[in-house]
Amino acid sequence: MAISSPCILVCVIDQQSGYCFGCGRTTDEIASWVSMTEDGRARVLAELPGRMEGIERKPRRETRRSRMARERGGAS
């Protein structure tokens, strides 16, 4: 049986909060996700929306492609 995960493959931990910028879990929660009980995962999932509100997201860095498009006056 597949275990669903909130992971969106943006795996960077915010140093201030300790939460992942992508999914909102802690490193301990990420590491133990597969071995957690279904109730444990449900508890964490219920907390994620509130955690994500508290994470200050940094703007994505400008890519070379988007910079070149901006300089040409086009859309990114």
N, C-alpha and C. Protein backbone atom coordinates (compact mmCIF):
# COMPACT_ATOMS: atom_id res chain seq x y z
N MET A 1 0.85 -1.18 0.00
CA MET A 1 0.00 0.00 0.00
C MET A 1 0.89 1.23 0.00
N ALA A 2 0.62 2.18 -0.89
CA ALA A 2 1.39 3.41 -0.97
C ALA A 2 1.02 4.35 0.18
N ILE A 3 2.03 5.01 0.71
CA ILE A 3 1.81 5.98 1.79
C ILE A 3 1.87 7.37 1.17
N SER A 4 0.80 8.14 1.31
CA SER A 4 0.80 9.48 0.74
C SER A 4 1.72 10.38 1.56
N SER A 5 2.24 11.39 0.91
CA SER A 5 3.19 12.29 1.55
C SER A 5 2.91 13.71 1.08
N PRO A 6 3.13 14.70 1.94
CA PRO A 6 2.95 16.09 1.54
C PRO A 6 4.15 16.64 0.78
N CYS A 7 5.16 15.82 0.55
CA CYS A 7 6.39 16.27 -0.10
C CYS A 7 6.10 16.79 -1.50
N ILE A 8 6.68 17.97 -1.84
CA ILE A 8 6.56 18.53 -3.18
C ILE A 8 7.94 18.68 -3.82
N LEU A 9 8.92 17.97 -3.27
CA LEU A 9 10.29 17.96 -3.78
C LEU A 9 10.98 19.32 -3.71
N VAL A 10 10.61 20.11 -2.70
CA VAL A 10 11.32 21.34 -2.38
C VAL A 10 11.85 21.12 -0.97
N CYS A 11 12.95 20.42 -0.89
CA CYS A 11 13.45 19.94 0.40
C CYS A 11 14.53 20.86 0.94
N VAL A 12 14.09 21.96 1.55
CA VAL A 12 15.00 22.92 2.17
C VAL A 12 14.41 23.29 3.51
N ILE A 13 15.20 23.16 4.56
CA ILE A 13 14.71 23.43 5.91
C ILE A 13 14.96 24.89 6.28
N ASP A 14 13.91 25.56 6.75
CA ASP A 14 14.00 26.93 7.25
C ASP A 14 14.75 26.88 8.58
N GLN A 15 15.85 27.59 8.66
CA GLN A 15 16.69 27.53 9.86
C GLN A 15 16.01 28.14 11.09
N GLN A 16 15.11 29.09 10.89
CA GLN A 16 14.43 29.71 12.04
C GLN A 16 13.35 28.81 12.63
N SER A 17 12.51 28.24 11.77
CA SER A 17 11.39 27.45 12.28
C SER A 17 11.70 25.96 12.40
N GLY A 18 12.64 25.48 11.57
CA GLY A 18 12.94 24.06 11.53
C GLY A 18 12.01 23.28 10.62
N TYR A 19 11.15 23.99 9.89
CA TYR A 19 10.20 23.35 8.98
C TYR A 19 10.71 23.41 7.55
N CYS A 20 10.34 22.42 6.76
CA CYS A 20 10.68 22.38 5.34
C CYS A 20 9.89 23.46 4.61
N PHE A 21 10.56 24.21 3.73
CA PHE A 21 9.88 25.23 2.94
C PHE A 21 8.83 24.62 2.02
N GLY A 22 9.05 23.39 1.58
CA GLY A 22 8.12 22.75 0.65
C GLY A 22 6.90 22.14 1.29
N CYS A 23 7.09 21.36 2.36
CA CYS A 23 5.95 20.63 2.93
C CYS A 23 5.59 21.02 4.36
N GLY A 24 6.50 21.69 5.05
CA GLY A 24 6.20 22.12 6.42
C GLY A 24 6.57 21.14 7.51
N ARG A 25 7.13 19.98 7.13
CA ARG A 25 7.51 18.99 8.16
C ARG A 25 8.90 19.28 8.70
N THR A 26 9.17 18.75 9.89
CA THR A 26 10.51 18.83 10.47
C THR A 26 11.37 17.71 9.87
N THR A 27 12.68 17.80 10.08
CA THR A 27 13.55 16.75 9.57
C THR A 27 13.23 15.41 10.23
N ASP A 28 12.90 15.42 11.51
CA ASP A 28 12.53 14.17 12.20
C ASP A 28 11.26 13.57 11.61
N GLU A 29 10.27 14.42 11.30
CA GLU A 29 9.02 13.93 10.72
C GLU A 29 9.26 13.37 9.31
N ILE A 30 10.11 14.04 8.55
CA ILE A 30 10.43 13.56 7.20
C ILE A 30 11.11 12.20 7.29
N ALA A 31 12.08 12.08 8.18
CA ALA A 31 12.84 10.84 8.31
C ALA A 31 11.98 9.67 8.80
N SER A 32 11.01 9.95 9.65
CA SER A 32 10.22 8.86 10.22
C SER A 32 8.86 8.70 9.55
N TRP A 33 8.59 9.43 8.47
CA TRP A 33 7.27 9.42 7.84
C TRP A 33 6.78 8.01 7.51
N VAL A 34 7.62 7.21 6.91
CA VAL A 34 7.21 5.87 6.49
C VAL A 34 6.89 4.97 7.69
N SER A 35 7.60 5.16 8.77
CA SER A 35 7.38 4.30 9.94
C SER A 35 6.33 4.85 10.91
N MET A 36 5.82 6.06 10.67
CA MET A 36 4.78 6.63 11.53
C MET A 36 3.49 5.85 11.37
N THR A 37 2.68 5.88 12.41
CA THR A 37 1.34 5.30 12.32
C THR A 37 0.48 6.19 11.45
N GLU A 38 -0.61 5.67 10.97
CA GLU A 38 -1.53 6.47 10.16
C GLU A 38 -2.04 7.66 10.97
N ASP A 39 -2.31 7.45 12.27
CA ASP A 39 -2.76 8.54 13.14
C ASP A 39 -1.67 9.60 13.30
N GLY A 40 -0.44 9.16 13.41
CA GLY A 40 0.68 10.10 13.55
C GLY A 40 0.83 10.97 12.31
N ARG A 41 0.73 10.34 11.15
CA ARG A 41 0.80 11.11 9.89
C ARG A 41 -0.37 12.07 9.78
N ALA A 42 -1.56 11.63 10.18
CA ALA A 42 -2.75 12.49 10.12
C ALA A 42 -2.58 13.71 11.03
N ARG A 43 -1.98 13.48 12.20
CA ARG A 43 -1.74 14.59 13.14
C ARG A 43 -0.82 15.62 12.53
N VAL A 44 0.27 15.14 11.93
CA VAL A 44 1.24 16.05 11.29
C VAL A 44 0.57 16.79 10.13
N LEU A 45 -0.17 16.06 9.29
CA LEU A 45 -0.84 16.69 8.15
C LEU A 45 -1.79 17.80 8.59
N ALA A 46 -2.46 17.60 9.72
CA ALA A 46 -3.39 18.61 10.23
C ALA A 46 -2.66 19.88 10.67
N GLU A 47 -1.41 19.75 11.10
CA GLU A 47 -0.64 20.90 11.57
C GLU A 47 0.02 21.68 10.44
N LEU A 48 0.18 21.08 9.27
CA LEU A 48 0.96 21.69 8.19
C LEU A 48 0.44 23.04 7.70
N PRO A 49 -0.86 23.22 7.50
CA PRO A 49 -1.31 24.54 7.02
C PRO A 49 -0.90 25.68 7.94
N GLY A 50 -1.01 25.49 9.22
CA GLY A 50 -0.61 26.52 10.18
C GLY A 50 0.89 26.75 10.18
N ARG A 51 1.64 25.69 10.02
CA ARG A 51 3.10 25.82 9.96
C ARG A 51 3.51 26.61 8.73
N MET A 52 2.90 26.30 7.59
CA MET A 52 3.27 26.94 6.34
C MET A 52 2.98 28.44 6.36
N GLU A 53 1.95 28.85 7.10
CA GLU A 53 1.65 30.27 7.23
C GLU A 53 2.77 31.00 7.96
N GLY A 54 3.43 30.31 8.88
CA GLY A 54 4.48 30.93 9.68
C GLY A 54 5.85 30.96 9.03
N ILE A 55 6.01 30.26 7.91
CA ILE A 55 7.30 30.23 7.24
C ILE A 55 7.40 31.39 6.28
N GLU A 56 8.42 32.20 6.47
CA GLU A 56 8.64 33.31 5.55
C GLU A 56 9.33 32.76 4.32
N ARG A 57 8.61 32.75 3.23
CA ARG A 57 9.16 32.21 1.99
C ARG A 57 10.02 33.25 1.30
N LYS A 58 11.20 32.83 0.95
CA LYS A 58 12.10 33.71 0.22
C LYS A 58 11.75 33.64 -1.25
N PRO A 59 11.82 34.76 -1.95
CA PRO A 59 11.53 34.70 -3.38
C PRO A 59 12.53 33.80 -4.09
N ARG A 60 12.06 33.12 -5.12
CA ARG A 60 12.96 32.27 -5.90
C ARG A 60 13.99 33.15 -6.58
N ARG A 61 15.19 32.64 -6.68
CA ARG A 61 16.21 33.41 -7.37
C ARG A 61 15.88 33.46 -8.85
N GLU A 62 16.30 34.53 -9.45
CA GLU A 62 16.03 34.70 -10.87
C GLU A 62 16.91 33.76 -11.68
N THR A 63 16.32 33.03 -12.58
CA THR A 63 17.09 32.14 -13.43
C THR A 63 17.65 32.92 -14.61
N ARG A 64 18.63 32.35 -15.26
CA ARG A 64 19.22 32.99 -16.43
C ARG A 64 18.16 33.21 -17.51
N ARG A 65 17.32 32.21 -17.69
CA ARG A 65 16.27 32.32 -18.71
C ARG A 65 15.31 33.46 -18.40
N SER A 66 14.86 33.58 -17.16
CA SER A 66 13.92 34.64 -16.82
C SER A 66 14.59 36.02 -16.88
N ARG A 67 15.87 36.09 -16.52
CA ARG A 67 16.59 37.36 -16.61
C ARG A 67 16.72 37.80 -18.07
N MET A 68 17.05 36.87 -18.94
CA MET A 68 17.20 37.20 -20.35
C MET A 68 15.84 37.65 -20.95
N ALA A 69 14.77 36.98 -20.56
CA ALA A 69 13.44 37.37 -21.03
C ALA A 69 13.06 38.75 -20.52
N ARG A 70 13.38 39.02 -19.25
CA ARG A 70 13.09 40.34 -18.68
C ARG A 70 13.87 41.42 -19.41
N GLU A 71 15.16 41.15 -19.69
CA GLU A 71 15.98 42.13 -20.38
C GLU A 71 15.49 42.37 -21.82
N ARG A 72 14.90 41.36 -22.45
CA ARG A 72 14.34 41.51 -23.79
C ARG A 72 12.97 42.18 -23.74
N GLY A 73 12.41 42.29 -22.55
CA GLY A 73 11.10 42.89 -22.41
C GLY A 73 9.96 41.90 -22.54
N GLY A 74 10.29 40.60 -22.53
CA GLY A 74 9.28 39.56 -22.66
C GLY A 74 8.87 39.02 -21.32
N ALA A 75 7.95 38.10 -21.35
CA ALA A 75 7.50 37.42 -20.12
C ALA A 75 8.48 36.35 -19.75
N SER A 76 8.48 35.96 -18.46
CA SER A 76 9.40 34.91 -18.00
C SER A 76 8.89 33.58 -18.23
